[in-house]
Amino acid sequence: MTVADEIIALEKVALDRWCAGDPDAFLDLSADDVTYFDPFRETRLDGKAALIALYDELRGKIFAPRHEMIEPKVQVAGEAAVLTFRFVSWNGSEGNRVAWNCTEVYRREPEGWRIIQTHWSFTGAGLTA
């Protein structure tokens, strides 16, 4: 398995669990010094403890029975790898479609690949049905 295959597989498992209301796979993948951006926050979130607090607020509240990772690409640079992809999820009907861009920066640690930076943003397509 290539580094790209490994990272994409880790991300897909975490996304599957996220879309079932369970953020723990992402927390398990996150390094202690993780940083995080999303369009619902005005500022960057710093550190795993802060990410745990955020995800605990969301636990059990996000459900997207249909979701898709589109065109994942991994660029490896030494002990780091950058994963970029588009993500589309549906919460019920086709009209509840949300489209995102995501960037995850992974770092190879003794226990495996860990996320050190996450950035989610809406695509223009995310604003329409």
Protein backbone atom coordinates (compact mmCIF):
# COMPACT_ATOMS: atom_id res chain seq x y z
CA MET A 1 0.00 0.00 0.00
CA THR A 2 1.37 3.42 -0.91
CA VAL A 3 1.42 6.37 1.48
CA ALA A 4 -1.35 7.95 -0.59
CA ASP A 5 -3.50 4.82 -0.37
CA GLU A 6 -2.92 4.59 3.38
CA ILE A 7 -3.85 8.21 4.08
CA ILE A 8 -6.92 8.13 1.85
CA ALA A 9 -8.08 4.94 3.58
CA LEU A 10 -7.62 6.52 7.03
CA GLU A 11 -9.58 9.59 5.95
CA LYS A 12 -12.41 7.56 4.41
CA VAL A 13 -12.90 5.56 7.62
CA ALA A 14 -12.93 8.78 9.66
CA LEU A 15 -15.43 10.40 7.26
CA ASP A 16 -17.71 7.36 7.40
CA ARG A 17 -17.78 7.55 11.19
CA TRP A 18 -18.17 11.36 11.17
CA CYS A 19 -21.20 11.06 8.89
CA ALA A 20 -22.71 8.61 11.38
CA GLY A 21 -22.36 11.12 14.24
CA ASP A 22 -19.08 9.76 15.62
CA PRO A 23 -16.05 12.11 15.55
CA ASP A 24 -13.73 9.74 17.41
CA ALA A 25 -11.90 8.45 14.33
CA PHE A 26 -10.80 12.01 13.54
CA LEU A 27 -9.80 12.56 17.15
CA ASP A 28 -7.78 9.34 17.09
CA LEU A 29 -6.00 10.58 13.95
CA SER A 30 -5.29 14.06 15.33
CA ALA A 31 -1.91 14.99 16.78
CA ASP A 32 -1.73 16.84 20.10
CA ASP A 33 -0.65 20.01 18.27
CA VAL A 34 -3.39 19.87 15.60
CA THR A 35 -4.80 23.12 14.21
CA TYR A 36 -8.26 23.40 12.71
CA PHE A 37 -10.29 25.78 10.53
CA ASP A 38 -13.88 25.52 9.34
CA PRO A 39 -16.38 28.06 7.98
CA PHE A 40 -18.38 28.07 11.24
CA ARG A 41 -15.46 29.41 13.30
CA GLU A 42 -14.03 32.90 13.21
CA THR A 43 -10.60 31.84 14.43
CA ARG A 44 -8.24 28.91 14.23
CA LEU A 45 -8.64 26.20 16.85
CA ASP A 46 -5.34 25.11 18.42
CA GLY A 47 -4.59 21.75 20.04
CA LYS A 48 -6.27 18.41 20.46
CA ALA A 49 -7.97 19.38 23.73
CA ALA A 50 -9.77 22.22 21.95
CA LEU A 51 -10.69 19.91 19.06
CA ILE A 52 -12.10 17.36 21.51
CA ALA A 53 -14.27 20.08 23.09
CA LEU A 54 -15.58 21.16 19.67
CA TYR A 55 -16.27 17.62 18.50
CA ASP A 56 -17.99 16.74 21.78
CA GLU A 57 -20.49 19.52 21.00
CA LEU A 58 -21.14 17.94 17.59
CA ARG A 59 -21.18 14.31 18.68
CA GLY A 60 -24.36 12.58 17.54
CA LYS A 61 -25.65 15.66 15.70
CA ILE A 62 -24.19 15.11 12.22
CA PHE A 63 -25.72 12.50 9.98
CA ALA A 64 -25.06 12.13 6.28
CA PRO A 65 -26.08 8.65 5.20
CA ARG A 66 -24.83 9.42 1.71
CA HIS A 67 -21.43 11.05 1.24
CA GLU A 68 -18.59 11.00 -1.23
CA MET A 69 -14.89 11.88 -1.22
CA ILE A 70 -14.09 13.26 -4.68
CA GLU A 71 -10.68 13.39 -6.37
CA PRO A 72 -8.49 12.81 -3.32
CA LYS A 73 -4.87 13.73 -3.90
CA VAL A 74 -1.94 13.11 -1.56
CA GLN A 75 1.35 14.98 -1.90
CA VAL A 76 4.15 13.54 0.22
CA ALA A 77 7.06 15.66 1.45
CA GLY A 78 9.37 13.68 3.71
CA GLU A 79 7.55 12.91 6.96
CA ALA A 80 4.52 15.00 5.98
CA ALA A 81 1.71 14.48 3.52
CA VAL A 82 -1.00 16.83 2.31
CA LEU A 83 -4.38 15.36 1.42
CA THR A 84 -6.79 17.51 -0.58
CA PHE A 85 -10.24 16.49 -1.75
CA ARG A 86 -13.75 17.63 -2.41
CA PHE A 87 -16.47 16.20 -0.20
CA VAL A 88 -20.19 16.06 -0.84
CA SER A 89 -22.76 14.89 1.66
CA TRP A 90 -26.51 14.50 1.63
CA ASN A 91 -28.71 14.51 4.70
CA GLY A 92 -31.80 12.83 3.36
CA SER A 93 -33.05 14.23 0.07
CA GLU A 94 -31.04 15.54 -2.87
CA GLY A 95 -31.95 19.07 -1.79
CA ASN A 96 -29.88 18.70 1.36
CA ARG A 97 -26.57 18.52 -0.50
CA VAL A 98 -23.53 20.23 0.99
CA ALA A 99 -20.22 20.50 -0.88
CA TRP A 100 -16.87 21.17 0.72
CA ASN A 101 -13.18 21.51 -0.02
CA CYS A 102 -10.87 19.92 2.51
CA THR A 103 -7.15 20.01 3.18
CA GLU A 104 -5.59 17.72 5.78
CA VAL A 105 -1.90 17.85 6.61
CA TYR A 106 -0.60 14.59 8.05
CA ARG A 107 2.69 13.96 9.85
CA ARG A 108 4.28 10.54 10.22
CA GLU A 109 4.68 9.77 13.91
CA PRO A 110 5.88 6.57 15.61
CA GLU A 111 2.27 5.40 16.02
CA GLY A 112 1.35 6.22 12.41
CA TRP A 113 0.07 9.12 10.35
CA ARG A 114 -1.53 11.92 12.39
CA ILE A 115 -3.41 15.02 11.29
CA ILE A 116 -1.63 18.24 12.23
CA GLN A 117 -3.82 20.67 10.28
CA THR A 118 -7.39 20.56 8.99
CA HIS A 119 -9.10 23.15 6.82
CA TRP A 120 -12.71 22.83 5.65
CA SER A 121 -14.43 25.36 3.40
CA PHE A 122 -17.65 25.41 1.42
CA THR A 123 -17.44 25.28 -2.33
CA GLY A 124 -19.67 27.51 -4.38
CA ALA A 125 -21.64 24.36 -5.15
CA GLY A 126 -22.31 23.98 -1.43
CA LEU A 127 -24.56 27.01 -1.50
CA THR A 128 -27.15 25.47 -3.80
CA ALA A 129 -29.20 22.30 -3.86
